[in-house]
């Protein structure tokens, strides 16, 4: 008998709180503070830190750190504003670092 599985998810590496759906991955070709990172269209069960301007590899952005809502582990950041026209597609999107998330239901 075939087992029914729920949606493929990503969870916090520390407490396994669900933080995003696999279907929300836009790109896996991003760089985080600690290595590879994924760009997501949405995140859930997260809290945001204060907005701040940060110089990243692609220029100046206004970002807010993204924390797990349960254990407060820093998972990445949210792009609030991009100053360069070529980077505007990132606004409102989330970077979650590969080292900080784990796959569930794969």
PDB file of N, CA and C in Angstrom:
ATOM      1  N   UNK A   1       0.842  -1.181   0.000  1.00  0.00           N
ATOM      2  CA  UNK A   1       0.000   0.000   0.000  1.00  0.00           C
ATOM      3  C   UNK A   1       0.886   1.244   0.000  1.00  0.00           C
ATOM      4  N   UNK A   2       0.506   2.211  -0.790  1.00  0.00           N
ATOM      5  CA  UNK A   2       1.266   3.453  -0.894  1.00  0.00           C
ATOM      6  C   UNK A   2       0.962   4.344   0.299  1.00  0.00           C
ATOM      7  N   UNK A   3       2.022   4.927   0.871  1.00  0.00           N
ATOM      8  CA  UNK A   3       1.853   5.812   2.017  1.00  0.00           C
ATOM      9  C   UNK A   3       1.585   7.229   1.548  1.00  0.00           C
ATOM     10  N   UNK A   4       0.620   7.888   2.157  1.00  0.00           N
ATOM     11  CA  UNK A   4       0.339   9.275   1.816  1.00  0.00           C
ATOM     12  C   UNK A   4       1.306  10.173   2.567  1.00  0.00           C
ATOM     13  N   UNK A   5       1.904  11.103   1.842  1.00  0.00           N
ATOM     14  CA  UNK A   5       2.859  12.028   2.440  1.00  0.00           C
ATOM     15  C   UNK A   5       2.306  13.443   2.336  1.00  0.00           C
ATOM     16  N   UNK A   6       2.621  14.255   3.314  1.00  0.00           N
ATOM     17  CA  UNK A   6       2.252  15.658   3.261  1.00  0.00           C
ATOM     18  C   UNK A   6       3.197  16.412   2.343  1.00  0.00           C
ATOM     19  N   UNK A   7       3.070  17.710   2.307  1.00  0.00           N
ATOM     20  CA  UNK A   7       3.946  18.500   1.436  1.00  0.00           C
ATOM     21  C   UNK A   7       5.392  18.427   1.905  1.00  0.00           C
ATOM     22  N   UNK A   8       6.313  18.552   0.944  1.00  0.00           N
ATOM     23  CA  UNK A   8       7.730  18.598   1.301  1.00  0.00           C
ATOM     24  C   UNK A   8       8.017  19.952   1.947  1.00  0.00           C
ATOM     25  N   UNK A   9       8.665  19.915   3.091  1.00  0.00           N
ATOM     26  CA  UNK A   9       8.897  21.105   3.911  1.00  0.00           C
ATOM     27  C   UNK A   9      10.362  21.270   4.235  1.00  0.00           C
ATOM     28  N   UNK A  10      10.701  22.482   4.653  1.00  0.00           N
ATOM     29  CA  UNK A  10      11.981  22.745   5.298  1.00  0.00           C
ATOM     30  C   UNK A  10      11.679  23.158   6.726  1.00  0.00           C
ATOM     31  N   UNK A  11      12.515  22.678   7.658  1.00  0.00           N
ATOM     32  CA  UNK A  11      12.317  22.944   9.076  1.00  0.00           C
ATOM     33  C   UNK A  11      13.583  23.524   9.689  1.00  0.00           C
ATOM     34  N   UNK A  12      13.419  24.176  10.831  1.00  0.00           N
ATOM     35  CA  UNK A  12      14.550  24.693  11.593  1.00  0.00           C
ATOM     36  C   UNK A  12      15.459  23.528  11.987  1.00  0.00           C
ATOM     37  N   UNK A  13      16.754  23.695  11.823  1.00  0.00           N
ATOM     38  CA  UNK A  13      17.702  22.627  12.150  1.00  0.00           C
ATOM     39  C   UNK A  13      17.771  22.369  13.644  1.00  0.00           C
ATOM     40  N   UNK A  14      17.370  23.330  14.448  1.00  0.00           N
ATOM     41  CA  UNK A  14      17.494  23.226  15.897  1.00  0.00           C
ATOM     42  C   UNK A  14      16.286  22.567  16.560  1.00  0.00           C
ATOM     43  N   UNK A  15      15.064  22.966  16.150  1.00  0.00           N
ATOM     44  CA  UNK A  15      13.864  22.485  16.853  1.00  0.00           C
ATOM     45  C   UNK A  15      12.841  21.812  15.937  1.00  0.00           C
ATOM     46  N   UNK A  16      13.119  21.749  14.638  1.00  0.00           N
ATOM     47  CA  UNK A  16      12.248  21.110  13.637  1.00  0.00           C
ATOM     48  C   UNK A  16      10.920  21.830  13.405  1.00  0.00           C
ATOM     49  N   UNK A  17      10.840  23.096  13.781  1.00  0.00           N
ATOM     50  CA  UNK A  17       9.684  23.931  13.470  1.00  0.00           C
ATOM     51  C   UNK A  17       9.627  24.108  11.946  1.00  0.00           C
ATOM     52  N   UNK A  18       8.469  23.900  11.334  1.00  0.00           N
ATOM     53  CA  UNK A  18       8.332  24.063   9.882  1.00  0.00           C
ATOM     54  C   UNK A  18       8.455  25.534   9.515  1.00  0.00           C
ATOM     55  N   UNK A  19       9.377  25.839   8.574  1.00  0.00           N
ATOM     56  CA  UNK A  19       9.611  27.243   8.228  1.00  0.00           C
ATOM     57  C   UNK A  19       9.332  27.583   6.762  1.00  0.00           C
ATOM     58  N   UNK A  20       9.257  26.585   5.876  1.00  0.00           N
ATOM     59  CA  UNK A  20       8.918  26.887   4.485  1.00  0.00           C
ATOM     60  C   UNK A  20       8.548  25.619   3.735  1.00  0.00           C
ATOM     61  N   UNK A  21       7.857  25.819   2.632  1.00  0.00           N
ATOM     62  CA  UNK A  21       7.500  24.715   1.744  1.00  0.00           C
ATOM     63  C   UNK A  21       8.520  24.612   0.612  1.00  0.00           C
ATOM     64  N   UNK A  22       8.783  23.385   0.181  1.00  0.00           N
ATOM     65  CA  UNK A  22       9.682  23.180  -0.954  1.00  0.00           C
ATOM     66  C   UNK A  22       9.165  23.913  -2.194  1.00  0.00           C
ATOM     67  N   UNK A  23       7.858  23.970  -2.345  1.00  0.00           N
ATOM     68  CA  UNK A  23       7.262  24.646  -3.505  1.00  0.00           C
ATOM     69  C   UNK A  23       7.555  26.148  -3.537  1.00  0.00           C
ATOM     70  N   UNK A  24       7.992  26.713  -2.407  1.00  0.00           N
ATOM     71  CA  UNK A  24       8.292  28.144  -2.336  1.00  0.00           C
ATOM     72  C   UNK A  24       9.742  28.474  -2.651  1.00  0.00           C
ATOM     73  N   UNK A  25      10.559  27.470  -2.991  1.00  0.00           N
ATOM     74  CA  UNK A  25      11.952  27.728  -3.367  1.00  0.00           C
ATOM     75  C   UNK A  25      11.973  28.402  -4.741  1.00  0.00           C
ATOM     76  N   UNK A  26      12.633  29.548  -4.805  1.00  0.00           N
ATOM     77  CA  UNK A  26      12.816  30.261  -6.067  1.00  0.00           C
ATOM     78  C   UNK A  26      14.171  29.908  -6.665  1.00  0.00           C
ATOM     79  N   UNK A  27      15.196  29.854  -5.810  1.00  0.00           N
ATOM     80  CA  UNK A  27      16.554  29.566  -6.280  1.00  0.00           C
ATOM     81  C   UNK A  27      17.371  28.925  -5.164  1.00  0.00           C
ATOM     82  N   UNK A  28      18.255  28.013  -5.559  1.00  0.00           N
ATOM     83  CA  UNK A  28      19.186  27.398  -4.612  1.00  0.00           C
ATOM     84  C   UNK A  28      20.606  27.909  -4.834  1.00  0.00           C
ATOM     85  N   UNK A  29      20.746  28.984  -5.590  1.00  0.00           N
ATOM     86  CA  UNK A  29      22.062  29.494  -5.988  1.00  0.00           C
ATOM     87  C   UNK A  29      22.430  30.779  -5.251  1.00  0.00           C
ATOM     88  N   UNK A  30      22.133  30.862  -3.967  1.00  0.00           N
ATOM     89  CA  UNK A  30      22.447  32.057  -3.191  1.00  0.00           C
ATOM     90  C   UNK A  30      23.513  31.756  -2.157  1.00  0.00           C
ATOM     91  N   UNK A  31      24.149  32.807  -1.671  1.00  0.00           N
ATOM     92  CA  UNK A  31      25.203  32.697  -0.668  1.00  0.00           C
ATOM     93  C   UNK A  31      24.718  33.324   0.626  1.00  0.00           C
ATOM     94  N   UNK A  32      24.815  32.584   1.723  1.00  0.00           N
ATOM     95  CA  UNK A  32      24.457  33.104   3.035  1.00  0.00           C
ATOM     96  C   UNK A  32      25.708  33.426   3.832  1.00  0.00           C
ATOM     97  N   UNK A  33      25.531  33.699   5.095  1.00  0.00           N
ATOM     98  CA  UNK A  33      26.679  33.990   5.964  1.00  0.00           C
ATOM     99  C   UNK A  33      27.563  32.765   6.134  1.00  0.00           C
ATOM    100  N   UNK A  34      26.939  31.585   6.149  1.00  0.00           N
ATOM    101  CA  UNK A  34      27.654  30.337   6.443  1.00  0.00           C
ATOM    102  C   UNK A  34      27.646  29.368   5.268  1.00  0.00           C
ATOM    103  N   UNK A  35      27.672  29.873   4.056  1.00  0.00           N
ATOM    104  CA  UNK A  35      27.676  28.990   2.893  1.00  0.00           C
ATOM    105  C   UNK A  35      26.425  29.140   2.054  1.00  0.00           C
ATOM    106  N   UNK A  36      26.071  28.037   1.403  1.00  0.00           N
ATOM    107  CA  UNK A  36      24.949  28.056   0.463  1.00  0.00           C
ATOM    108  C   UNK A  36      23.625  28.417   1.140  1.00  0.00           C
ATOM    109  N   UNK A  37      22.765  29.079   0.365  1.00  0.00           N
ATOM    110  CA  UNK A  37      21.459  29.496   0.882  1.00  0.00           C
ATOM    111  C   UNK A  37      20.434  29.426  -0.240  1.00  0.00           C
ATOM    112  N   UNK A  38      19.166  29.349   0.156  1.00  0.00           N
ATOM    113  CA  UNK A  38      18.066  29.261  -0.803  1.00  0.00           C
ATOM    114  C   UNK A  38      17.219  30.524  -0.703  1.00  0.00           C
ATOM    115  N   UNK A  39      16.713  30.973  -1.852  1.00  0.00           N
ATOM    116  CA  UNK A  39      15.775  32.096  -1.901  1.00  0.00           C
ATOM    117  C   UNK A  39      14.364  31.524  -1.945  1.00  0.00           C
ATOM    118  N   UNK A  40      13.526  31.946  -0.992  1.00  0.00           N
ATOM    119  CA  UNK A  40      12.143  31.489  -0.879  1.00  0.00           C
ATOM    120  C   UNK A  40      11.181  32.641  -1.105  1.00  0.00           C
ATOM    121  N   UNK A  41      10.034  32.337  -1.695  1.00  0.00           N
ATOM    122  CA  UNK A  41       9.001  33.354  -1.866  1.00  0.00           C
ATOM    123  C   UNK A  41       8.244  33.617  -0.566  1.00  0.00           C
ATOM    124  N   UNK A  42       8.154  32.613   0.301  1.00  0.00           N
ATOM    125  CA  UNK A  42       7.427  32.736   1.563  1.00  0.00           C
ATOM    126  C   UNK A  42       8.166  31.973   2.664  1.00  0.00           C
ATOM    127  N   UNK A  43       7.924  32.365   3.895  1.00  0.00           N
ATOM    128  CA  UNK A  43       8.393  31.631   5.070  1.00  0.00           C
ATOM    129  C   UNK A  43       7.264  31.655   6.090  1.00  0.00           C
ATOM    130  N   UNK A  44       7.261  30.658   6.978  1.00  0.00           N
ATOM    131  CA  UNK A  44       6.218  30.581   8.007  1.00  0.00           C
ATOM    132  C   UNK A  44       6.856  30.254   9.352  1.00  0.00           C
ATOM    133  N   UNK A  45       6.157  30.562  10.405  1.00  0.00           N
ATOM    134  CA  UNK A  45       6.629  30.278  11.760  1.00  0.00           C
ATOM    135  C   UNK A  45       7.992  30.900  12.031  1.00  0.00           C
ATOM    136  N   UNK A  46       8.165  32.125  11.519  1.00  0.00           N
ATOM    137  CA  UNK A  46       9.412  32.858  11.736  1.00  0.00           C
ATOM    138  C   UNK A  46       9.097  34.225  12.324  1.00  0.00           C
ATOM    139  N   UNK A  47      10.102  34.832  12.938  1.00  0.00           N
ATOM    140  CA  UNK A  47      10.021  36.197  13.449  1.00  0.00           C
ATOM    141  C   UNK A  47      11.101  37.013  12.749  1.00  0.00           C
ATOM    142  N   UNK A  48      10.852  38.287  12.619  1.00  0.00           N
ATOM    143  CA  UNK A  48      11.804  39.176  11.958  1.00  0.00           C
ATOM    144  C   UNK A  48      12.467  40.107  12.956  1.00  0.00           C
ATOM    145  N   UNK A  49      13.752  40.335  12.743  1.00  0.00           N
ATOM    146  CA  UNK A  49      14.476  41.322  13.524  1.00  0.00           C
ATOM    147  C   UNK A  49      14.265  42.706  12.931  1.00  0.00           C
ATOM    148  N   UNK A  50      14.949  43.707  13.470  1.00  0.00           N
ATOM    149  CA  UNK A  50      14.809  45.058  12.948  1.00  0.00           C
ATOM    150  C   UNK A  50      15.413  45.183  11.543  1.00  0.00           C
ATOM    151  N   UNK A  51      14.858  46.092  10.764  1.00  0.00           N
ATOM    152  CA  UNK A  51      15.386  46.352   9.423  1.00  0.00           C
ATOM    153  C   UNK A  51      16.711  47.092   9.545  1.00  0.00           C
ATOM    154  N   UNK A  52      17.652  46.728   8.670  1.00  0.00           N
ATOM    155  CA  UNK A  52      18.932  47.439   8.636  1.00  0.00           C
ATOM    156  C   UNK A  52      19.506  47.381   7.231  1.00  0.00           C
ATOM    157  N   UNK A  53      20.260  48.389   6.879  1.00  0.00           N
ATOM    158  CA  UNK A  53      20.947  48.391   5.593  1.00  0.00           C
ATOM    159  C   UNK A  53      22.200  47.537   5.712  1.00  0.00           C
ATOM    160  N   UNK A  54      22.404  46.671   4.717  1.00  0.00           N
ATOM    161  CA  UNK A  54      23.545  45.764   4.732  1.00  0.00           C
ATOM    162  C   UNK A  54      24.128  45.680   3.332  1.00  0.00           C
ATOM    163  N   UNK A  55      25.443  45.753   3.244  1.00  0.00           N
ATOM    164  CA  UNK A  55      26.117  45.526   1.964  1.00  0.00           C
ATOM    165  C   UNK A  55      26.300  44.026   1.793  1.00  0.00           C
ATOM    166  N   UNK A  56      25.671  43.477   0.773  1.00  0.00           N
ATOM    167  CA  UNK A  56      25.769  42.059   0.456  1.00  0.00           C
ATOM    168  C   UNK A  56      26.538  41.912  -0.853  1.00  0.00           C
ATOM    169  N   UNK A  57      26.729  40.694  -1.308  1.00  0.00           N
ATOM    170  CA  UNK A  57      27.488  40.453  -2.539  1.00  0.00           C
ATOM    171  C   UNK A  57      26.922  41.201  -3.740  1.00  0.00           C
ATOM    172  N   UNK A  58      25.615  41.425  -3.742  1.00  0.00           N
ATOM    173  CA  UNK A  58      24.965  42.078  -4.886  1.00  0.00           C
ATOM    174  C   UNK A  58      24.647  43.549  -4.638  1.00  0.00           C
ATOM    175  N   UNK A  59      25.263  44.144  -3.614  1.00  0.00           N
ATOM    176  CA  UNK A  59      25.063  45.557  -3.357  1.00  0.00           C
ATOM    177  C   UNK A  59      24.329  45.840  -2.060  1.00  0.00           C
ATOM    178  N   UNK A  60      23.890  47.075  -1.920  1.00  0.00           N
ATOM    179  CA  UNK A  60      23.212  47.524  -0.704  1.00  0.00           C
ATOM    180  C   UNK A  60      21.750  47.091  -0.711  1.00  0.00           C
ATOM    181  N   UNK A  61      21.328  46.505   0.407  1.00  0.00           N
ATOM    182  CA  UNK A  61      19.940  46.076   0.591  1.00  0.00           C
ATOM    183  C   UNK A  61      19.492  46.445   1.999  1.00  0.00           C
ATOM    184  N   UNK A  62      18.195  46.667   2.187  1.00  0.00           N
ATOM    185  CA  UNK A  62      17.612  46.739   3.516  1.00  0.00           C
ATOM    186  C   UNK A  62      17.079  45.347   3.815  1.00  0.00           C
ATOM    187  N   UNK A  63      17.553  44.764   4.917  1.00  0.00           N
ATOM    188  CA  UNK A  63      17.181  43.396   5.270  1.00  0.00           C
ATOM    189  C   UNK A  63      16.761  43.337   6.737  1.00  0.00           C
ATOM    190  N   UNK A  64      16.084  42.259   7.085  1.00  0.00           N
ATOM    191  CA  UNK A  64      15.731  41.962   8.473  1.00  0.00           C
ATOM    192  C   UNK A  64      16.093  40.503   8.720  1.00  0.00           C
ATOM    193  N   UNK A  65      16.823  40.242   9.789  1.00  0.00           N
ATOM    194  CA  UNK A  65      17.158  38.851  10.110  1.00  0.00           C
ATOM    195  C   UNK A  65      15.883  38.053  10.348  1.00  0.00           C
ATOM    196  N   UNK A  66      15.923  36.782   9.952  1.00  0.00           N
ATOM    197  CA  UNK A  66      14.798  35.861  10.115  1.00  0.00           C
ATOM    198  C   UNK A  66      15.171  34.860  11.202  1.00  0.00           C
ATOM    199  N   UNK A  67      14.318  34.743  12.206  1.00  0.00           N
ATOM    200  CA  UNK A  67      14.516  33.834  13.332  1.00  0.00           C
ATOM    201  C   UNK A  67      13.424  32.776  13.347  1.00  0.00           C
ATOM    202  N   UNK A  68      13.741  31.588  13.808  1.00  0.00           N
ATOM    203  CA  UNK A  68      12.721  30.578  14.080  1.00  0.00           C
ATOM    204  C   UNK A  68      11.822  31.121  15.188  1.00  0.00           C
ATOM    205  N   UNK A  69      10.511  31.052  15.000  1.00  0.00           N
ATOM    206  CA  UNK A  69       9.570  31.581  15.995  1.00  0.00           C
ATOM    207  C   UNK A  69       9.578  30.768  17.281  1.00  0.00           C
ATOM    208  N   UNK A  70      10.010  29.505  17.217  1.00  0.00           N
ATOM    209  CA  UNK A  70      10.014  28.668  18.419  1.00  0.00           C
ATOM    210  C   UNK A  70      11.300  28.799  19.233  1.00  0.00           C
ATOM    211  N   UNK A  71      12.463  28.597  18.582  1.00  0.00           N
ATOM    212  CA  UNK A  71      13.722  28.548  19.341  1.00  0.00           C
ATOM    213  C   UNK A  71      14.612  29.772  19.145  1.00  0.00           C
ATOM    214  N   UNK A  72      14.222  30.688  18.247  1.00  0.00           N
ATOM    215  CA  UNK A  72      14.943  31.935  17.983  1.00  0.00           C
ATOM    216  C   UNK A  72      16.286  31.738  17.273  1.00  0.00           C
ATOM    217  N   UNK A  73      16.500  30.585  16.678  1.00  0.00           N
ATOM    218  CA  UNK A  73      17.695  30.354  15.856  1.00  0.00           C
ATOM    219  C   UNK A  73      17.653  31.292  14.647  1.00  0.00           C
ATOM    220  N   UNK A  74      18.771  31.955  14.349  1.00  0.00           N
ATOM    221  CA  UNK A  74      18.834  32.797  13.153  1.00  0.00           C
ATOM    222  C   UNK A  74      18.927  31.870  11.941  1.00  0.00           C
ATOM    223  N   UNK A  75      17.965  32.001  11.011  1.00  0.00           N
ATOM    224  CA  UNK A  75      17.893  31.123   9.841  1.00  0.00           C
ATOM    225  C   UNK A  75      18.355  31.811   8.562  1.00  0.00           C
ATOM    226  N   UNK A  76      18.344  33.130   8.545  1.00  0.00           N
ATOM    227  CA  UNK A  76      18.705  33.868   7.340  1.00  0.00           C
ATOM    228  C   UNK A  76      18.204  35.294   7.445  1.00  0.00           C
ATOM    229  N   UNK A  77      17.689  35.837   6.345  1.00  0.00           N
ATOM    230  CA  UNK A  77      17.172  37.198   6.356  1.00  0.00           C
ATOM    231  C   UNK A  77      16.071  37.375   5.323  1.00  0.00           C
ATOM    232  N   UNK A  78      15.336  38.464   5.474  1.00  0.00           N
ATOM    233  CA  UNK A  78      14.304  38.849   4.511  1.00  0.00           C
ATOM    234  C   UNK A  78      14.775  40.114   3.810  1.00  0.00           C
ATOM    235  N   UNK A  79      14.660  40.132   2.495  1.00  0.00           N
ATOM    236  CA  UNK A  79      14.965  41.331   1.720  1.00  0.00           C
ATOM    237  C   UNK A  79      13.776  42.281   1.809  1.00  0.00           C
ATOM    238  N   UNK A  80      13.968  43.417   2.432  1.00  0.00           N
ATOM    239  CA  UNK A  80      12.914  44.421   2.530  1.00  0.00           C
ATOM    240  C   UNK A  80      12.992  45.416   1.376  1.00  0.00           C
ATOM    241  N   UNK A  81      14.225  45.762   0.985  1.00  0.00           N
ATOM    242  CA  UNK A  81      14.402  46.736  -0.091  1.00  0.00           C
ATOM    243  C   UNK A  81      15.725  46.471  -0.799  1.00  0.00           C
ATOM    244  N   UNK A  82      15.692  46.584  -2.108  1.00  0.00           N
ATOM    245  CA  UNK A  82      16.898  46.511  -2.932  1.00  0.00           C
ATOM    246  C   UNK A  82      17.084  47.883  -3.576  1.00  0.00           C
ATOM    247  N   UNK A  83      18.295  48.384  -3.538  1.00  0.00           N
ATOM    248  CA  UNK A  83      18.554  49.724  -4.053  1.00  0.00           C
ATOM    249  C   UNK A  83      18.894  49.730  -5.545  1.00  0.00           C
ATOM    250  N   UNK A  84      19.350  48.594  -6.066  1.00  0.00           N
ATOM    251  CA  UNK A  84      19.681  48.504  -7.484  1.00  0.00           C
ATOM    252  C   UNK A  84      18.512  47.887  -8.241  1.00  0.00           C
ATOM    253  N   UNK A  85      18.189  48.443  -9.404  1.00  0.00           N
ATOM    254  CA  UNK A  85      17.039  47.984 -10.189  1.00  0.00           C
ATOM    255  C   UNK A  85      17.111  46.491 -10.502  1.00  0.00           C
ATOM    256  N   UNK A  86      18.302  45.986 -10.769  1.00  0.00           N
ATOM    257  CA  UNK A  86      18.444  44.569 -11.133  1.00  0.00           C
ATOM    258  C   UNK A  86      18.188  43.623  -9.958  1.00  0.00           C
ATOM    259  N   UNK A  87      18.114  44.162  -8.755  1.00  0.00           N
ATOM    260  CA  UNK A  87      17.929  43.339  -7.560  1.00  0.00           C
ATOM    261  C   UNK A  87      16.524  43.452  -6.962  1.00  0.00           C
ATOM    262  N   UNK A  88      15.660  44.244  -7.580  1.00  0.00           N
ATOM    263  CA  UNK A  88      14.312  44.486  -7.047  1.00  0.00           C
ATOM    264  C   UNK A  88      13.486  43.211  -6.900  1.00  0.00           C
ATOM    265  N   UNK A  89      13.765  42.185  -7.709  1.00  0.00           N
ATOM    266  CA  UNK A  89      13.003  40.928  -7.637  1.00  0.00           C
ATOM    267  C   UNK A  89      13.129  40.255  -6.273  1.00  0.00           C
ATOM    268  N   UNK A  90      14.137  40.611  -5.498  1.00  0.00           N
ATOM    269  CA  UNK A  90      14.360  39.996  -4.181  1.00  0.00           C
ATOM    270  C   UNK A  90      13.472  40.587  -3.085  1.00  0.00           C
ATOM    271  N   UNK A  91      12.912  41.767  -3.327  1.00  0.00           N
ATOM    272  CA  UNK A  91      12.144  42.438  -2.285  1.00  0.00           C
ATOM    273  C   UNK A  91      10.977  41.568  -1.817  1.00  0.00           C
ATOM    274  N   UNK A  92      10.848  41.446  -0.489  1.00  0.00           N
ATOM    275  CA  UNK A  92       9.783  40.637   0.097  1.00  0.00           C
ATOM    276  C   UNK A  92      10.096  39.149   0.159  1.00  0.00           C
ATOM    277  N   UNK A  93      11.258  38.743  -0.336  1.00  0.00           N
ATOM    278  CA  UNK A  93      11.642  37.322  -0.373  1.00  0.00           C
ATOM    279  C   UNK A  93      12.563  36.993   0.812  1.00  0.00           C
ATOM    280  N   UNK A  94      12.736  35.709   1.053  1.00  0.00           N
ATOM    281  CA  UNK A  94      13.490  35.223   2.206  1.00  0.00           C
ATOM    282  C   UNK A  94      14.705  34.414   1.776  1.00  0.00           C
ATOM    283  N   UNK A  95      15.823  34.643   2.454  1.00  0.00           N
ATOM    284  CA  UNK A  95      17.000  33.789   2.333  1.00  0.00           C
ATOM    285  C   UNK A  95      17.024  32.904   3.569  1.00  0.00           C
ATOM    286  N   UNK A  96      17.038  31.601   3.352  1.00  0.00           N
ATOM    287  CA  UNK A  96      17.222  30.646   4.448  1.00  0.00           C
ATOM    288  C   UNK A  96      18.494  29.865   4.142  1.00  0.00           C
ATOM    289  N   UNK A  97      19.403  29.837   5.110  1.00  0.00           N
ATOM    290  CA  UNK A  97      20.689  29.189   4.900  1.00  0.00           C
ATOM    291  C   UNK A  97      20.551  27.674   4.973  1.00  0.00           C
ATOM    292  N   UNK A  98      21.180  26.997   4.024  1.00  0.00           N
ATOM    293  CA  UNK A  98      21.091  25.543   3.937  1.00  0.00           C
ATOM    294  C   UNK A  98      21.532  24.874   5.246  1.00  0.00           C
ATOM    295  N   UNK A  99      22.552  25.420   5.888  1.00  0.00           N
ATOM    296  CA  UNK A  99      23.063  24.844   7.138  1.00  0.00           C
ATOM    297  C   UNK A  99      22.088  25.000   8.302  1.00  0.00           C
ATOM    298  N   UNK A 100      21.076  25.856   8.147  1.00  0.00           N
ATOM    299  CA  UNK A 100      20.142  26.144   9.244  1.00  0.00           C
ATOM    300  C   UNK A 100      18.777  25.487   9.077  1.00  0.00           C
ATOM    301  N   UNK A 101      18.567  24.807   7.949  1.00  0.00           N
ATOM    302  CA  UNK A 101      17.276  24.153   7.703  1.00  0.00           C
ATOM    303  C   UNK A 101      17.481  22.691   7.328  1.00  0.00           C
ATOM    304  N   UNK A 102      16.467  21.885   7.576  1.00  0.00           N
ATOM    305  CA  UNK A 102      16.504  20.462   7.234  1.00  0.00           C
ATOM    306  C   UNK A 102      15.237  20.110   6.454  1.00  0.00           C
ATOM    307  N   UNK A 103      15.350  19.088   5.634  1.00  0.00           N
ATOM    308  CA  UNK A 103      14.207  18.623   4.829  1.00  0.00           C
ATOM    309  C   UNK A 103      13.288  17.735   5.658  1.00  0.00           C
ATOM    310  N   UNK A 104      11.981  17.885   5.437  1.00  0.00           N
ATOM    311  CA  UNK A 104      10.966  17.025   6.076  1.00  0.00           C
ATOM    312  C   UNK A 104      10.046  16.481   4.991  1.00  0.00           C
ATOM    313  N   UNK A 105       9.586  15.245   5.147  1.00  0.00           N
ATOM    314  CA  UNK A 105       8.637  14.585   4.220  1.00  0.00           C
ATOM    315  C   UNK A 105       9.208  14.389   2.814  1.00  0.00           C
ATOM    316  N   UNK A 106      10.490  14.055   2.718  1.00  0.00           N
ATOM    317  CA  UNK A 106      11.113  13.827   1.404  1.00  0.00           C
ATOM    318  C   UNK A 106      11.177  12.354   1.134  1.00  0.00           C
TER     319      UNK A 106
END
